[in-house]
Amino acid sequence: MELGPYPLTSLWRARKKAFEYRQMVAKGLDPKRTCC
């Protein structure tokens, strides 16, 4: 799983995505299967 290519993905966006993925994991969800 990736957050996006650098430098096209801003640091803010990468941190936001990582936070969302951590929330999914905390809920018992697999971000790789849940997203996309």
PDB file of N, CA and C in Angstrom:
ATOM      1  N   MET A   1       0.851  -1.152   0.000  1.00  0.00           N
ATOM      2  CA  MET A   1       0.000   0.000   0.000  1.00  0.00           C
ATOM      3  C   MET A   1       0.904   1.224   0.000  1.00  0.00           C
ATOM      4  N   GLU A   2       0.494   2.199  -0.751  1.00  0.00           N
ATOM      5  CA  GLU A   2       1.271   3.436  -0.800  1.00  0.00           C
ATOM      6  C   GLU A   2       0.363   4.628  -0.564  1.00  0.00           C
ATOM      7  N   LEU A   3       0.973   5.724  -0.205  1.00  0.00           N
ATOM      8  CA  LEU A   3       0.220   6.953   0.044  1.00  0.00           C
ATOM      9  C   LEU A   3       0.197   7.851  -1.175  1.00  0.00           C
ATOM     10  N   GLY A   4       1.094   7.618  -2.110  1.00  0.00           N
ATOM     11  CA  GLY A   4       1.174   8.415  -3.327  1.00  0.00           C
ATOM     12  C   GLY A   4       2.615   8.744  -3.659  1.00  0.00           C
ATOM     13  N   PRO A   5       2.865   9.072  -4.908  1.00  0.00           N
ATOM     14  CA  PRO A   5       4.240   9.357  -5.330  1.00  0.00           C
ATOM     15  C   PRO A   5       4.709  10.730  -4.856  1.00  0.00           C
ATOM     16  N   TYR A   6       5.960  10.768  -4.443  1.00  0.00           N
ATOM     17  CA  TYR A   6       6.580  12.041  -4.072  1.00  0.00           C
ATOM     18  C   TYR A   6       7.138  12.651  -5.340  1.00  0.00           C
ATOM     19  N   PRO A   7       7.051  13.876  -5.614  1.00  0.00           N
ATOM     20  CA  PRO A   7       6.510  14.989  -4.846  1.00  0.00           C
ATOM     21  C   PRO A   7       5.059  15.315  -5.187  1.00  0.00           C
ATOM     22  N   LEU A   8       4.385  14.461  -5.951  1.00  0.00           N
ATOM     23  CA  LEU A   8       2.997  14.758  -6.323  1.00  0.00           C
ATOM     24  C   LEU A   8       2.056  14.722  -5.120  1.00  0.00           C
ATOM     25  N   THR A   9       2.399  13.937  -4.113  1.00  0.00           N
ATOM     26  CA  THR A   9       1.592  13.867  -2.903  1.00  0.00           C
ATOM     27  C   THR A   9       2.227  14.757  -1.843  1.00  0.00           C
ATOM     28  N   SER A  10       1.467  15.709  -1.358  1.00  0.00           N
ATOM     29  CA  SER A  10       2.010  16.618  -0.341  1.00  0.00           C
ATOM     30  C   SER A  10       2.162  15.892   0.991  1.00  0.00           C
ATOM     31  N   LEU A  11       2.992  16.430   1.833  1.00  0.00           N
ATOM     32  CA  LEU A  11       3.195  15.855   3.157  1.00  0.00           C
ATOM     33  C   LEU A  11       1.884  15.861   3.932  1.00  0.00           C
ATOM     34  N   TRP A  12       1.119  16.925   3.808  1.00  0.00           N
ATOM     35  CA  TRP A  12      -0.173  17.021   4.496  1.00  0.00           C
ATOM     36  C   TRP A  12      -1.104  15.895   4.053  1.00  0.00           C
ATOM     37  N   ARG A  13      -1.190  15.657   2.748  1.00  0.00           N
ATOM     38  CA  ARG A  13      -2.078  14.611   2.224  1.00  0.00           C
ATOM     39  C   ARG A  13      -1.611  13.222   2.666  1.00  0.00           C
ATOM     40  N   ALA A  14      -0.306  12.987   2.657  1.00  0.00           N
ATOM     41  CA  ALA A  14       0.233  11.693   3.080  1.00  0.00           C
ATOM     42  C   ALA A  14      -0.077  11.444   4.557  1.00  0.00           C
ATOM     43  N   ARG A  15       0.083  12.469   5.379  1.00  0.00           N
ATOM     44  CA  ARG A  15      -0.229  12.323   6.807  1.00  0.00           C
ATOM     45  C   ARG A  15      -1.711  12.064   7.019  1.00  0.00           C
ATOM     46  N   LYS A  16      -2.559  12.751   6.252  1.00  0.00           N
ATOM     47  CA  LYS A  16      -4.009  12.567   6.365  1.00  0.00           C
ATOM     48  C   LYS A  16      -4.392  11.136   6.003  1.00  0.00           C
ATOM     49  N   LYS A  17      -3.832  10.630   4.902  1.00  0.00           N
ATOM     50  CA  LYS A  17      -4.124   9.265   4.472  1.00  0.00           C
ATOM     51  C   LYS A  17      -3.639   8.263   5.512  1.00  0.00           C
ATOM     52  N   ALA A  18      -2.441   8.474   6.044  1.00  0.00           N
ATOM     53  CA  ALA A  18      -1.900   7.568   7.057  1.00  0.00           C
ATOM     54  C   ALA A  18      -2.802   7.556   8.290  1.00  0.00           C
ATOM     55  N   PHE A  19      -3.295   8.721   8.681  1.00  0.00           N
ATOM     56  CA  PHE A  19      -4.203   8.814   9.824  1.00  0.00           C
ATOM     57  C   PHE A  19      -5.487   8.034   9.545  1.00  0.00           C
ATOM     58  N   GLU A  20      -6.035   8.186   8.342  1.00  0.00           N
ATOM     59  CA  GLU A  20      -7.250   7.459   7.970  1.00  0.00           C
ATOM     60  C   GLU A  20      -7.010   5.953   7.991  1.00  0.00           C
ATOM     61  N   TYR A  21      -5.863   5.518   7.496  1.00  0.00           N
ATOM     62  CA  TYR A  21      -5.537   4.090   7.495  1.00  0.00           C
ATOM     63  C   TYR A  21      -5.411   3.564   8.919  1.00  0.00           C
ATOM     64  N   ARG A  22      -4.781   4.343   9.810  1.00  0.00           N
ATOM     65  CA  ARG A  22      -4.652   3.915  11.205  1.00  0.00           C
ATOM     66  C   ARG A  22      -6.024   3.800  11.871  1.00  0.00           C
ATOM     67  N   GLN A  23      -6.934   4.701  11.532  1.00  0.00           N
ATOM     68  CA  GLN A  23      -8.290   4.626  12.088  1.00  0.00           C
ATOM     69  C   GLN A  23      -8.989   3.353  11.621  1.00  0.00           C
ATOM     70  N   MET A  24      -8.822   3.003  10.361  1.00  0.00           N
ATOM     71  CA  MET A  24      -9.422   1.777   9.838  1.00  0.00           C
ATOM     72  C   MET A  24      -8.879   0.552  10.564  1.00  0.00           C
ATOM     73  N   VAL A  25      -7.570   0.518  10.755  1.00  0.00           N
ATOM     74  CA  VAL A  25      -6.942  -0.608  11.450  1.00  0.00           C
ATOM     75  C   VAL A  25      -7.465  -0.697  12.882  1.00  0.00           C
ATOM     76  N   ALA A  26      -7.632   0.436  13.540  1.00  0.00           N
ATOM     77  CA  ALA A  26      -8.145   0.455  14.910  1.00  0.00           C
ATOM     78  C   ALA A  26      -9.565  -0.109  14.978  1.00  0.00           C
ATOM     79  N   LYS A  27     -10.314   0.032  13.893  1.00  0.00           N
ATOM     80  CA  LYS A  27     -11.682  -0.496  13.834  1.00  0.00           C
ATOM     81  C   LYS A  27     -11.713  -1.947  13.373  1.00  0.00           C
ATOM     82  N   GLY A  28     -10.535  -2.510  13.105  1.00  0.00           N
ATOM     83  CA  GLY A  28     -10.467  -3.900  12.668  1.00  0.00           C
ATOM     84  C   GLY A  28     -10.630  -4.076  11.169  1.00  0.00           C
ATOM     85  N   LEU A  29     -10.529  -2.996  10.415  1.00  0.00           N
ATOM     86  CA  LEU A  29     -10.667  -3.057   8.963  1.00  0.00           C
ATOM     87  C   LEU A  29      -9.299  -3.131   8.298  1.00  0.00           C
ATOM     88  N   ASP A  30      -9.261  -3.716   7.125  1.00  0.00           N
ATOM     89  CA  ASP A  30      -8.033  -3.784   6.340  1.00  0.00           C
ATOM     90  C   ASP A  30      -8.087  -2.652   5.318  1.00  0.00           C
ATOM     91  N   PRO A  31      -7.272  -1.607   5.472  1.00  0.00           N
ATOM     92  CA  PRO A  31      -7.326  -0.464   4.558  1.00  0.00           C
ATOM     93  C   PRO A  31      -7.090  -0.852   3.100  1.00  0.00           C
ATOM     94  N   LYS A  32      -6.266  -1.850   2.884  1.00  0.00           N
ATOM     95  CA  LYS A  32      -5.966  -2.266   1.514  1.00  0.00           C
ATOM     96  C   LYS A  32      -7.209  -2.848   0.839  1.00  0.00           C
ATOM     97  N   ARG A  33      -8.031  -3.541   1.597  1.00  0.00           N
ATOM     98  CA  ARG A  33      -9.251  -4.126   1.033  1.00  0.00           C
ATOM     99  C   ARG A  33     -10.420  -3.145   1.073  1.00  0.00           C
ATOM    100  N   THR A  34     -10.442  -2.253   2.059  1.00  0.00           N
ATOM    101  CA  THR A  34     -11.550  -1.318   2.233  1.00  0.00           C
ATOM    102  C   THR A  34     -11.494  -0.195   1.205  1.00  0.00           C
ATOM    103  N   CYS A  35     -10.298   0.315   0.957  1.00  0.00           N
ATOM    104  CA  CYS A  35     -10.129   1.404  -0.011  1.00  0.00           C
ATOM    105  C   CYS A  35     -10.138   0.857  -1.429  1.00  0.00           C
ATOM    106  N   CYS A  36     -10.495   1.697  -2.335  1.00  0.00           N
ATOM    107  CA  CYS A  36     -10.413   1.418  -3.778  1.00  0.00           C
ATOM    108  C   CYS A  36     -11.401   0.385  -4.185  1.00  0.00           C
TER     109      CYS A  36
END
